[in-house]
PDB file of N, CA and C in Angstrom:
ATOM      1  N   UNK A   1       3.289  -4.528  19.832  1.00  0.00           N
ATOM      2  CA  UNK A   1       4.337  -3.750  19.228  1.00  0.00           C
ATOM      3  C   UNK A   1       4.440  -2.378  19.883  1.00  0.00           C
ATOM      4  N   UNK A   2       3.297  -1.819  20.276  1.00  0.00           N
ATOM      5  CA  UNK A   2       3.346  -0.526  20.961  1.00  0.00           C
ATOM      6  C   UNK A   2       3.939  -0.669  22.354  1.00  0.00           C
ATOM      7  N   UNK A   3       3.694  -1.807  23.002  1.00  0.00           N
ATOM      8  CA  UNK A   3       4.230  -2.021  24.349  1.00  0.00           C
ATOM      9  C   UNK A   3       5.755  -2.046  24.349  1.00  0.00           C
ATOM     10  N   UNK A   4       6.359  -2.675  23.356  1.00  0.00           N
ATOM     11  CA  UNK A   4       7.826  -2.726  23.309  1.00  0.00           C
ATOM     12  C   UNK A   4       8.392  -1.547  22.518  1.00  0.00           C
ATOM     13  N   UNK A   5       7.516  -0.703  21.961  1.00  0.00           N
ATOM     14  CA  UNK A   5       7.920   0.471  21.178  1.00  0.00           C
ATOM     15  C   UNK A   5       8.883   0.050  20.063  1.00  0.00           C
ATOM     16  N   UNK A   6       8.393  -0.862  19.209  1.00  0.00           N
ATOM     17  CA  UNK A   6       9.200  -1.469  18.151  1.00  0.00           C
ATOM     18  C   UNK A   6       9.810  -0.417  17.227  1.00  0.00           C
ATOM     19  N   UNK A   7      10.961  -0.745  16.677  1.00  0.00           N
ATOM     20  CA  UNK A   7      11.640   0.122  15.720  1.00  0.00           C
ATOM     21  C   UNK A   7      10.886   0.065  14.397  1.00  0.00           C
ATOM     22  N   UNK A   8      10.700   1.216  13.788  1.00  0.00           N
ATOM     23  CA  UNK A   8       9.937   1.303  12.558  1.00  0.00           C
ATOM     24  C   UNK A   8      10.605   2.290  11.617  1.00  0.00           C
ATOM     25  N   UNK A   9      10.356   2.116  10.333  1.00  0.00           N
ATOM     26  CA  UNK A   9      10.912   3.042   9.345  1.00  0.00           C
ATOM     27  C   UNK A   9       9.964   3.135   8.153  1.00  0.00           C
ATOM     28  N   UNK A  10      10.037   4.252   7.458  1.00  0.00           N
ATOM     29  CA  UNK A  10       9.228   4.442   6.270  1.00  0.00           C
ATOM     30  C   UNK A  10      10.032   3.961   5.066  1.00  0.00           C
ATOM     31  N   UNK A  11       9.417   3.112   4.260  1.00  0.00           N
ATOM     32  CA  UNK A  11      10.071   2.585   3.063  1.00  0.00           C
ATOM     33  C   UNK A  11       9.111   2.724   1.886  1.00  0.00           C
ATOM     34  N   UNK A  12       9.630   2.567   0.677  1.00  0.00           N
ATOM     35  CA  UNK A  12       8.759   2.650  -0.481  1.00  0.00           C
ATOM     36  C   UNK A  12       9.192   1.656  -1.551  1.00  0.00           C
ATOM     37  N   UNK A  13       8.223   1.305  -2.378  1.00  0.00           N
ATOM     38  CA  UNK A  13       8.481   0.477  -3.542  1.00  0.00           C
ATOM     39  C   UNK A  13       7.616   1.004  -4.673  1.00  0.00           C
ATOM     40  N   UNK A  14       7.431   0.225  -5.727  1.00  0.00           N
ATOM     41  CA  UNK A  14       6.673   0.708  -6.881  1.00  0.00           C
ATOM     42  C   UNK A  14       5.198   0.963  -6.574  1.00  0.00           C
ATOM     43  N   UNK A  15       4.679   0.401  -5.476  1.00  0.00           N
ATOM     44  CA  UNK A  15       3.270   0.618  -5.121  1.00  0.00           C
ATOM     45  C   UNK A  15       3.049   1.776  -4.165  1.00  0.00           C
ATOM     46  N   UNK A  16       4.096   2.393  -3.678  1.00  0.00           N
ATOM     47  CA  UNK A  16       3.935   3.551  -2.812  1.00  0.00           C
ATOM     48  C   UNK A  16       4.724   3.433  -1.526  1.00  0.00           C
ATOM     49  N   UNK A  17       4.351   4.261  -0.560  1.00  0.00           N
ATOM     50  CA  UNK A  17       5.042   4.346   0.718  1.00  0.00           C
ATOM     51  C   UNK A  17       4.292   3.548   1.781  1.00  0.00           C
ATOM     52  N   UNK A  18       5.030   2.975   2.712  1.00  0.00           N
ATOM     53  CA  UNK A  18       4.435   2.256   3.830  1.00  0.00           C
ATOM     54  C   UNK A  18       5.423   2.254   4.985  1.00  0.00           C
ATOM     55  N   UNK A  19       4.938   1.856   6.154  1.00  0.00           N
ATOM     56  CA  UNK A  19       5.793   1.722   7.329  1.00  0.00           C
ATOM     57  C   UNK A  19       6.165   0.260   7.496  1.00  0.00           C
ATOM     58  N   UNK A  20       7.388   0.022   7.895  1.00  0.00           N
ATOM     59  CA  UNK A  20       7.867  -1.323   8.153  1.00  0.00           C
ATOM     60  C   UNK A  20       8.372  -1.360   9.588  1.00  0.00           C
ATOM     61  N   UNK A  21       7.765  -2.198  10.410  1.00  0.00           N
ATOM     62  CA  UNK A  21       8.191  -2.354  11.805  1.00  0.00           C
ATOM     63  C   UNK A  21       8.950  -3.658  11.943  1.00  0.00           C
ATOM     64  N   UNK A  22      10.009  -3.624  12.721  1.00  0.00           N
ATOM     65  CA  UNK A  22      10.821  -4.803  12.985  1.00  0.00           C
ATOM     66  C   UNK A  22      10.477  -5.297  14.374  1.00  0.00           C
ATOM     67  N   UNK A  23      10.029  -6.536  14.460  1.00  0.00           N
ATOM     68  CA  UNK A  23       9.622  -7.114  15.737  1.00  0.00           C
ATOM     69  C   UNK A  23      10.826  -7.793  16.372  1.00  0.00           C
ATOM     70  N   UNK A  24      11.334  -7.192  17.432  1.00  0.00           N
ATOM     71  CA  UNK A  24      12.479  -7.727  18.168  1.00  0.00           C
ATOM     72  C   UNK A  24      12.179  -7.633  19.657  1.00  0.00           C
ATOM     73  N   UNK A  25      12.894  -8.376  20.472  1.00  0.00           N
ATOM     74  CA  UNK A  25      12.720  -8.210  21.918  1.00  0.00           C
ATOM     75  C   UNK A  25      13.053  -6.771  22.325  1.00  0.00           C
ATOM     76  N   UNK A  26      12.400  -6.307  23.364  1.00  0.00           N
ATOM     77  CA  UNK A  26      12.589  -4.924  23.819  1.00  0.00           C
ATOM     78  C   UNK A  26      14.053  -4.629  24.100  1.00  0.00           C
ATOM     79  N   UNK A  27      14.509  -3.482  23.592  1.00  0.00           N
ATOM     80  CA  UNK A  27      15.856  -3.018  23.854  1.00  0.00           C
ATOM     81  C   UNK A  27      16.939  -3.623  22.975  1.00  0.00           C
ATOM     82  N   UNK A  28      16.591  -4.574  22.114  1.00  0.00           N
ATOM     83  CA  UNK A  28      17.599  -5.200  21.261  1.00  0.00           C
ATOM     84  C   UNK A  28      17.913  -4.310  20.061  1.00  0.00           C
ATOM     85  N   UNK A  29      19.180  -4.194  19.734  1.00  0.00           N
ATOM     86  CA  UNK A  29      19.626  -3.396  18.586  1.00  0.00           C
ATOM     87  C   UNK A  29      19.301  -4.142  17.295  1.00  0.00           C
ATOM     88  N   UNK A  30      18.830  -3.420  16.269  1.00  0.00           N
ATOM     89  CA  UNK A  30      18.542  -4.038  14.983  1.00  0.00           C
ATOM     90  C   UNK A  30      19.832  -4.095  14.169  1.00  0.00           C
ATOM     91  N   UNK A  31      20.170  -5.299  13.718  1.00  0.00           N
ATOM     92  CA  UNK A  31      21.360  -5.496  12.908  1.00  0.00           C
ATOM     93  C   UNK A  31      20.955  -6.095  11.563  1.00  0.00           C
ATOM     94  N   UNK A  32      21.857  -6.077  10.612  1.00  0.00           N
ATOM     95  CA  UNK A  32      21.593  -6.695   9.320  1.00  0.00           C
ATOM     96  C   UNK A  32      21.373  -8.186   9.525  1.00  0.00           C
ATOM     97  N   UNK A  33      20.311  -8.710   8.905  1.00  0.00           N
ATOM     98  CA  UNK A  33      20.012 -10.134   9.035  1.00  0.00           C
ATOM     99  C   UNK A  33      18.533 -10.406   8.879  1.00  0.00           C
ATOM    100  N   UNK A  34      18.111 -11.591   9.281  1.00  0.00           N
ATOM    101  CA  UNK A  34      16.733 -12.045   9.151  1.00  0.00           C
ATOM    102  C   UNK A  34      15.907 -11.554  10.334  1.00  0.00           C
ATOM    103  N   UNK A  35      14.780 -10.870  10.039  1.00  0.00           N
ATOM    104  CA  UNK A  35      13.914 -10.322  11.084  1.00  0.00           C
ATOM    105  C   UNK A  35      12.444 -10.565  10.748  1.00  0.00           C
ATOM    106  N   UNK A  36      11.619 -10.638  11.785  1.00  0.00           N
ATOM    107  CA  UNK A  36      10.175 -10.638  11.592  1.00  0.00           C
ATOM    108  C   UNK A  36       9.745  -9.194  11.379  1.00  0.00           C
ATOM    109  N   UNK A  37       9.000  -8.941  10.318  1.00  0.00           N
ATOM    110  CA  UNK A  37       8.596  -7.573   9.982  1.00  0.00           C
ATOM    111  C   UNK A  37       7.092  -7.482   9.776  1.00  0.00           C
ATOM    112  N   UNK A  38       6.571  -6.286   9.982  1.00  0.00           N
ATOM    113  CA  UNK A  38       5.158  -5.989   9.759  1.00  0.00           C
ATOM    114  C   UNK A  38       5.086  -4.751   8.875  1.00  0.00           C
ATOM    115  N   UNK A  39       4.281  -4.828   7.813  1.00  0.00           N
ATOM    116  CA  UNK A  39       4.042  -3.669   6.953  1.00  0.00           C
ATOM    117  C   UNK A  39       2.668  -3.130   7.335  1.00  0.00           C
ATOM    118  N   UNK A  40       2.604  -1.835   7.641  1.00  0.00           N
ATOM    119  CA  UNK A  40       1.371  -1.285   8.198  1.00  0.00           C
ATOM    120  C   UNK A  40       1.200   0.193   7.851  1.00  0.00           C
ATOM    121  N   UNK A  41      -0.026   0.663   8.094  1.00  0.00           N
ATOM    122  CA  UNK A  41      -0.366   2.086   8.048  1.00  0.00           C
ATOM    123  C   UNK A  41      -1.034   2.429   9.375  1.00  0.00           C
ATOM    124  N   UNK A  42      -0.976   3.669   9.780  1.00  0.00           N
ATOM    125  CA  UNK A  42      -1.707   4.140  10.957  1.00  0.00           C
ATOM    126  C   UNK A  42      -2.549   5.335  10.565  1.00  0.00           C
ATOM    127  N   UNK A  43      -3.696   5.470  11.218  1.00  0.00           N
ATOM    128  CA  UNK A  43      -4.548   6.636  10.995  1.00  0.00           C
ATOM    129  C   UNK A  43      -5.378   6.895  12.234  1.00  0.00           C
ATOM    130  N   UNK A  44      -5.854   8.130  12.365  1.00  0.00           N
ATOM    131  CA  UNK A  44      -6.680   8.500  13.513  1.00  0.00           C
ATOM    132  C   UNK A  44      -8.003   7.756  13.422  1.00  0.00           C
ATOM    133  N   UNK A  45      -8.443   7.226  14.543  1.00  0.00           N
ATOM    134  CA  UNK A  45      -9.670   6.432  14.582  1.00  0.00           C
ATOM    135  C   UNK A  45     -10.910   7.310  14.602  1.00  0.00           C
ATOM    136  N   UNK A  46     -11.968   6.827  13.977  1.00  0.00           N
ATOM    137  CA  UNK A  46     -13.268   7.483  14.013  1.00  0.00           C
ATOM    138  C   UNK A  46     -14.148   6.907  15.131  1.00  0.00           C
ATOM    139  N   UNK A  47     -13.661   5.894  15.844  1.00  0.00           N
ATOM    140  CA  UNK A  47     -14.422   5.232  16.897  1.00  0.00           C
ATOM    141  C   UNK A  47     -14.184   5.902  18.245  1.00  0.00           C
ATOM    142  N   UNK A  48     -15.219   5.939  19.075  1.00  0.00           N
ATOM    143  CA  UNK A  48     -15.090   6.503  20.417  1.00  0.00           C
ATOM    144  C   UNK A  48     -14.187   5.614  21.269  1.00  0.00           C
ATOM    145  N   UNK A  49     -13.296   6.227  22.033  1.00  0.00           N
ATOM    146  CA  UNK A  49     -12.443   5.504  22.954  1.00  0.00           C
ATOM    147  C   UNK A  49     -11.189   4.920  22.332  1.00  0.00           C
ATOM    148  N   UNK A  50     -11.039   5.015  21.018  1.00  0.00           N
ATOM    149  CA  UNK A  50      -9.828   4.526  20.345  1.00  0.00           C
ATOM    150  C   UNK A  50      -9.189   5.709  19.649  1.00  0.00           C
ATOM    151  N   UNK A  51      -7.927   5.958  19.942  1.00  0.00           N
ATOM    152  CA  UNK A  51      -7.255   7.124  19.389  1.00  0.00           C
ATOM    153  C   UNK A  51      -6.679   6.880  18.000  1.00  0.00           C
ATOM    154  N   UNK A  52      -5.968   5.774  17.844  1.00  0.00           N
ATOM    155  CA  UNK A  52      -5.276   5.500  16.594  1.00  0.00           C
ATOM    156  C   UNK A  52      -5.534   4.065  16.167  1.00  0.00           C
ATOM    157  N   UNK A  53      -5.759   3.861  14.880  1.00  0.00           N
ATOM    158  CA  UNK A  53      -5.923   2.512  14.340  1.00  0.00           C
ATOM    159  C   UNK A  53      -4.709   2.153  13.504  1.00  0.00           C
ATOM    160  N   UNK A  54      -4.385   0.877  13.536  1.00  0.00           N
ATOM    161  CA  UNK A  54      -3.251   0.367  12.770  1.00  0.00           C
ATOM    162  C   UNK A  54      -3.779  -0.675  11.799  1.00  0.00           C
ATOM    163  N   UNK A  55      -3.505  -0.496  10.522  1.00  0.00           N
ATOM    164  CA  UNK A  55      -3.934  -1.460   9.506  1.00  0.00           C
ATOM    165  C   UNK A  55      -2.702  -2.230   9.043  1.00  0.00           C
ATOM    166  N   UNK A  56      -2.663  -3.508   9.384  1.00  0.00           N
ATOM    167  CA  UNK A  56      -1.539  -4.358   8.994  1.00  0.00           C
ATOM    168  C   UNK A  56      -1.803  -4.878   7.590  1.00  0.00           C
ATOM    169  N   UNK A  57      -0.862  -4.617   6.694  1.00  0.00           N
ATOM    170  CA  UNK A  57      -0.978  -5.059   5.302  1.00  0.00           C
ATOM    171  C   UNK A  57      -0.368  -6.443   5.108  1.00  0.00           C
ATOM    172  N   UNK A  58       0.754  -6.712   5.771  1.00  0.00           N
ATOM    173  CA  UNK A  58       1.375  -8.032   5.693  1.00  0.00           C
ATOM    174  C   UNK A  58       2.381  -8.196   6.829  1.00  0.00           C
ATOM    175  N   UNK A  59       2.749  -9.436   7.051  1.00  0.00           N
ATOM    176  CA  UNK A  59       3.691  -9.763   8.102  1.00  0.00           C
ATOM    177  C   UNK A  59       4.508 -10.960   7.618  1.00  0.00           C
ATOM    178  N   UNK A  60       5.826 -10.831   7.626  1.00  0.00           N
ATOM    179  CA  UNK A  60       6.649 -11.929   7.163  1.00  0.00           C
ATOM    180  C   UNK A  60       8.078 -11.799   7.677  1.00  0.00           C
ATOM    181  N   UNK A  61       8.842 -12.846   7.454  1.00  0.00           N
ATOM    182  CA  UNK A  61      10.247 -12.845   7.821  1.00  0.00           C
ATOM    183  C   UNK A  61      11.043 -12.336   6.622  1.00  0.00           C
ATOM    184  N   UNK A  62      11.895 -11.354   6.853  1.00  0.00           N
ATOM    185  CA  UNK A  62      12.598 -10.701   5.755  1.00  0.00           C
ATOM    186  C   UNK A  62      14.048 -10.439   6.135  1.00  0.00           C
ATOM    187  N   UNK A  63      14.933 -10.569   5.164  1.00  0.00           N
ATOM    188  CA  UNK A  63      16.337 -10.225   5.374  1.00  0.00           C
ATOM    189  C   UNK A  63      16.471  -8.719   5.186  1.00  0.00           C
ATOM    190  N   UNK A  64      16.931  -8.024   6.215  1.00  0.00           N
ATOM    191  CA  UNK A  64      17.089  -6.573   6.158  1.00  0.00           C
ATOM    192  C   UNK A  64      18.560  -6.194   6.151  1.00  0.00           C
ATOM    193  N   UNK A  65      18.882  -5.241   5.301  1.00  0.00           N
ATOM    194  CA  UNK A  65      20.193  -4.594   5.350  1.00  0.00           C
ATOM    195  C   UNK A  65      19.966  -3.282   6.084  1.00  0.00           C
ATOM    196  N   UNK A  66      20.521  -3.170   7.242  1.00  0.00           N
ATOM    197  CA  UNK A  66      20.301  -1.988   8.059  1.00  0.00           C
ATOM    198  C   UNK A  66      21.286  -0.902   7.628  1.00  0.00           C
ATOM    199  N   UNK A  67      20.729   0.189   7.142  1.00  0.00           N
ATOM    200  CA  UNK A  67      21.525   1.318   6.675  1.00  0.00           C
ATOM    201  C   UNK A  67      21.559   2.359   7.778  1.00  0.00           C
ATOM    202  N   UNK A  68      22.743   2.790   8.139  1.00  0.00           N
ATOM    203  CA  UNK A  68      22.841   3.788   9.216  1.00  0.00           C
ATOM    204  C   UNK A  68      22.207   5.115   8.832  1.00  0.00           C
ATOM    205  N   UNK A  69      22.116   5.397   7.542  1.00  0.00           N
ATOM    206  CA  UNK A  69      21.534   6.670   7.106  1.00  0.00           C
ATOM    207  C   UNK A  69      20.004   6.647   7.113  1.00  0.00           C
ATOM    208  N   UNK A  70      19.404   5.463   7.054  1.00  0.00           N
ATOM    209  CA  UNK A  70      17.946   5.373   7.017  1.00  0.00           C
ATOM    210  C   UNK A  70      17.367   5.905   8.326  1.00  0.00           C
ATOM    211  N   UNK A  71      16.292   6.678   8.199  1.00  0.00           N
ATOM    212  CA  UNK A  71      15.655   7.244   9.385  1.00  0.00           C
ATOM    213  C   UNK A  71      14.807   6.176  10.052  1.00  0.00           C
ATOM    214  N   UNK A  72      15.146   5.860  11.296  1.00  0.00           N
ATOM    215  CA  UNK A  72      14.413   4.871  12.059  1.00  0.00           C
ATOM    216  C   UNK A  72      13.800   5.563  13.271  1.00  0.00           C
ATOM    217  N   UNK A  73      12.528   5.290  13.515  1.00  0.00           N
ATOM    218  CA  UNK A  73      11.822   5.859  14.658  1.00  0.00           C
ATOM    219  C   UNK A  73      11.187   4.739  15.459  1.00  0.00           C
ATOM    220  N   UNK A  74      10.794   5.066  16.657  1.00  0.00           N
ATOM    221  CA  UNK A  74      10.011   4.134  17.452  1.00  0.00           C
ATOM    222  C   UNK A  74       8.567   4.200  16.954  1.00  0.00           C
ATOM    223  N   UNK A  75       7.834   3.100  17.069  1.00  0.00           N
ATOM    224  CA  UNK A  75       6.494   3.011  16.497  1.00  0.00           C
ATOM    225  C   UNK A  75       5.528   4.017  17.136  1.00  0.00           C
ATOM    226  N   UNK A  76       5.759   4.380  18.387  1.00  0.00           N
ATOM    227  CA  UNK A  76       4.875   5.359  19.043  1.00  0.00           C
ATOM    228  C   UNK A  76       4.955   6.728  18.369  1.00  0.00           C
ATOM    229  N   UNK A  77       6.079   7.040  17.737  1.00  0.00           N
ATOM    230  CA  UNK A  77       6.210   8.293  16.995  1.00  0.00           C
ATOM    231  C   UNK A  77       5.182   8.361  15.876  1.00  0.00           C
ATOM    232  N   UNK A  78       4.996   7.255  15.168  1.00  0.00           N
ATOM    233  CA  UNK A  78       4.024   7.215  14.068  1.00  0.00           C
ATOM    234  C   UNK A  78       2.590   7.256  14.595  1.00  0.00           C
ATOM    235  N   UNK A  79       2.348   6.623  15.735  1.00  0.00           N
ATOM    236  CA  UNK A  79       1.005   6.669  16.332  1.00  0.00           C
ATOM    237  C   UNK A  79       0.652   8.097  16.739  1.00  0.00           C
ATOM    238  N   UNK A  80       1.587   8.808  17.329  1.00  0.00           N
ATOM    239  CA  UNK A  80       1.344  10.206  17.724  1.00  0.00           C
ATOM    240  C   UNK A  80       1.123  11.092  16.506  1.00  0.00           C
ATOM    241  N   UNK A  81       1.919  10.882  15.460  1.00  0.00           N
ATOM    242  CA  UNK A  81       1.775  11.683  14.248  1.00  0.00           C
ATOM    243  C   UNK A  81       0.395  11.466  13.616  1.00  0.00           C
ATOM    244  N   UNK A  82      -0.061  10.219  13.561  1.00  0.00           N
ATOM    245  CA  UNK A  82      -1.382   9.926  12.993  1.00  0.00           C
ATOM    246  C   UNK A  82      -2.487  10.599  13.808  1.00  0.00           C
ATOM    247  N   UNK A  83      -2.362  10.583  15.128  1.00  0.00           N
ATOM    248  CA  UNK A  83      -3.387  11.155  15.992  1.00  0.00           C
ATOM    249  C   UNK A  83      -3.396  12.682  15.941  1.00  0.00           C
ATOM    250  N   UNK A  84      -2.254  13.311  16.156  1.00  0.00           N
ATOM    251  CA  UNK A  84      -2.220  14.768  16.265  1.00  0.00           C
ATOM    252  C   UNK A  84      -2.325  15.479  14.921  1.00  0.00           C
ATOM    253  N   UNK A  85      -1.816  14.884  13.864  1.00  0.00           N
ATOM    254  CA  UNK A  85      -1.916  15.511  12.546  1.00  0.00           C
ATOM    255  C   UNK A  85      -3.178  15.072  11.799  1.00  0.00           C
ATOM    256  N   UNK A  86      -3.929  14.134  12.404  1.00  0.00           N
ATOM    257  CA  UNK A  86      -5.212  13.660  11.870  1.00  0.00           C
ATOM    258  C   UNK A  86      -5.095  13.247  10.403  1.00  0.00           C
ATOM    259  N   UNK A  87      -4.151  12.336  10.139  1.00  0.00           N
ATOM    260  CA  UNK A  87      -3.960  11.858   8.779  1.00  0.00           C
ATOM    261  C   UNK A  87      -3.346  10.468   8.801  1.00  0.00           C
ATOM    262  N   UNK A  88      -3.339   9.844   7.633  1.00  0.00           N
ATOM    263  CA  UNK A  88      -2.715   8.533   7.497  1.00  0.00           C
ATOM    264  C   UNK A  88      -1.193   8.691   7.545  1.00  0.00           C
ATOM    265  N   UNK A  89      -0.536   7.758   8.204  1.00  0.00           N
ATOM    266  CA  UNK A  89       0.915   7.754   8.271  1.00  0.00           C
ATOM    267  C   UNK A  89       1.403   6.427   7.704  1.00  0.00           C
ATOM    268  N   UNK A  90       2.221   6.413   6.696  1.00  0.00           N
ATOM    269  CA  UNK A  90       2.675   7.574   5.933  1.00  0.00           C
ATOM    270  C   UNK A  90       1.628   8.012   4.934  1.00  0.00           C
ATOM    271  N   UNK A  91       1.786   9.236   4.431  1.00  0.00           N
ATOM    272  CA  UNK A  91       0.923   9.703   3.354  1.00  0.00           C
ATOM    273  C   UNK A  91       1.178   8.807   2.146  1.00  0.00           C
ATOM    274  N   UNK A  92       0.196   8.641   1.261  1.00  0.00           N
ATOM    275  CA  UNK A  92       0.416   7.801   0.071  1.00  0.00           C
ATOM    276  C   UNK A  92       1.614   8.268  -0.765  1.00  0.00           C
ATOM    277  N   UNK A  93       1.955   9.546  -0.689  1.00  0.00           N
ATOM    278  CA  UNK A  93       3.078  10.078  -1.462  1.00  0.00           C
ATOM    279  C   UNK A  93       4.338  10.214  -0.624  1.00  0.00           C
ATOM    280  N   UNK A  94       4.295   9.774   0.619  1.00  0.00           N
ATOM    281  CA  UNK A  94       5.451   9.854   1.512  1.00  0.00           C
ATOM    282  C   UNK A  94       5.367  11.068   2.422  1.00  0.00           C
ATOM    283  N   UNK A  95       6.027  10.970   3.586  1.00  0.00           N
ATOM    284  CA  UNK A  95       6.035  12.080   4.559  1.00  0.00           C
ATOM    285  C   UNK A  95       7.153  13.034   4.274  1.00  0.00           C
TER     286      UNK A  95
END
């Protein structure tokens, strides 16, 4: 997912905030419809030689309604934020 710099967005439900990445071929525009998605968190690693860790919570096929107003970032943005700000992304209460 980091190699193709997948599109990702922060979403929330009754259990809190999380990141949702959409797995698509590189360079493909995300449109409303059925997509493979990954729900994950990122945080700075405590291990030598690893900068950022990604904890995948779930992965499934989901119908997405793509809202033009929703903030969408590339997944590397979240990896950099976790590393340089030395915190979990997203925060449990949202960024």
